[in-house]
Amino acid sequence: MATRVGLMTVELYIGGCRSLKEKRQVLQSLMARLRNEFNLSVAEVDHHDKHQRACLAIACVGNRTEHVNRMLDIILERLTVESRISLIESQIELL
């Protein structure tokens, strides 16, 4: 059985945040929704000390490359319409 792993990193701008506490609230809410809706792993991996920037790593596992790729595309679409953040950059790797 083949296992496919998809890894997506996204750079985000969180314009309305004036403190790290506000940033944490926005990110915790966003990450919880992604975990619940898509059953994936997500973590903040960079820009911990910047209150208007974040870098998230999102990983998902499946048995078909097409399924994993489509899932990451859907997540990317959701992030682009999220009102509290702006997507700066994204990168997808299939392992």
Protein backbone atom coordinates (compact mmCIF):
# COMPACT_ATOMS: atom_id res chain seq x y z
CA MET A 1 0.00 0.00 0.00
CA ALA A 2 1.37 3.37 -0.99
CA THR A 3 1.27 6.26 1.44
CA ARG A 4 1.34 9.83 0.19
CA VAL A 5 2.22 12.77 2.41
CA GLY A 6 1.46 16.34 1.44
CA LEU A 7 3.23 19.25 3.11
CA MET A 8 2.19 22.84 2.54
CA THR A 9 3.84 25.87 4.08
CA VAL A 10 2.02 29.19 3.98
CA GLU A 11 3.24 32.68 4.86
CA LEU A 12 0.44 34.82 6.28
CA TYR A 13 -0.08 38.49 7.04
CA ILE A 14 -2.46 39.19 9.91
CA GLY A 15 -3.22 42.88 9.45
CA GLY A 16 -5.56 43.59 12.35
CA CYS A 17 -3.29 42.29 15.11
CA ARG A 18 -1.66 44.73 17.48
CA SER A 19 -0.12 42.16 19.82
CA LEU A 20 1.17 38.59 19.95
CA LYS A 21 -1.86 37.69 22.07
CA GLU A 22 -4.24 38.78 19.29
CA LYS A 23 -2.14 36.87 16.75
CA ARG A 24 -2.35 33.71 18.88
CA GLN A 25 -6.14 34.02 19.09
CA VAL A 26 -6.49 34.34 15.31
CA LEU A 27 -4.08 31.47 14.61
CA GLN A 28 -5.52 29.13 17.26
CA SER A 29 -9.01 29.60 15.81
CA LEU A 30 -7.80 29.09 12.24
CA MET A 31 -5.71 26.01 13.07
CA ALA A 32 -8.55 24.41 15.08
CA ARG A 33 -10.99 24.87 12.18
CA LEU A 34 -8.51 23.34 9.72
CA ARG A 35 -7.85 20.37 12.01
CA ASN A 36 -11.55 19.73 12.60
CA GLU A 37 -12.67 20.12 9.01
CA PHE A 38 -9.83 18.30 7.23
CA ASN A 39 -8.32 15.96 9.88
CA LEU A 40 -4.76 17.15 9.29
CA SER A 41 -1.76 18.43 11.22
CA VAL A 42 -1.01 22.14 11.36
CA ALA A 43 1.55 24.13 13.35
CA GLU A 44 3.07 27.60 13.43
CA VAL A 45 6.69 27.09 12.38
CA ASP A 46 8.15 30.60 11.96
CA HIS A 47 7.66 34.30 12.76
CA HIS A 48 6.75 33.52 16.38
CA ASP A 49 7.86 36.96 17.56
CA LYS A 50 6.15 39.03 14.83
CA HIS A 51 2.58 40.01 15.64
CA GLN A 52 1.42 40.50 12.04
CA ARG A 53 3.22 37.59 10.35
CA ALA A 54 2.91 33.83 10.61
CA CYS A 55 4.22 30.77 8.84
CA LEU A 56 2.14 27.61 9.08
CA ALA A 57 3.08 24.07 8.10
CA ILE A 58 0.14 21.88 7.12
CA ALA A 59 0.51 18.12 6.59
CA CYS A 60 -1.96 15.54 5.36
CA VAL A 61 -1.70 11.85 4.53
CA GLY A 62 -3.57 9.76 1.99
CA ASN A 63 -3.26 6.72 -0.22
CA ARG A 64 -3.48 8.60 -3.55
CA THR A 65 -1.42 11.55 -4.74
CA GLU A 66 -4.47 13.10 -6.41
CA HIS A 67 -6.44 13.05 -3.16
CA VAL A 68 -3.64 14.63 -1.12
CA ASN A 69 -3.00 17.29 -3.77
CA ARG A 70 -6.72 18.14 -4.04
CA MET A 71 -7.03 18.39 -0.26
CA LEU A 72 -4.14 20.86 -0.08
CA ASP A 73 -5.64 22.87 -2.94
CA ILE A 74 -8.97 23.12 -1.08
CA ILE A 75 -7.18 24.25 2.09
CA LEU A 76 -5.30 26.88 0.09
CA GLU A 77 -8.59 28.15 -1.36
CA ARG A 78 -10.04 28.42 2.16
CA LEU A 79 -7.04 30.41 3.34
CA THR A 80 -7.34 32.88 0.46
CA VAL A 81 -10.91 33.80 1.42
CA GLU A 82 -10.25 34.01 5.17
CA SER A 83 -11.10 37.59 6.17
CA ARG A 84 -8.62 37.97 9.04
CA ILE A 85 -5.52 36.97 7.10
CA SER A 86 -3.80 37.61 3.78
CA LEU A 87 -1.85 34.89 2.03
CA ILE A 88 1.65 36.07 1.13
CA GLU A 89 3.19 32.88 -0.21
CA SER A 90 2.53 29.15 -0.32
CA GLN A 91 4.55 26.08 -1.20
CA ILE A 92 3.31 22.51 -1.65
CA GLU A 93 5.48 19.40 -1.51
CA LEU A 94 4.31 15.84 -2.08
CA LEU A 95 6.48 13.29 -0.32
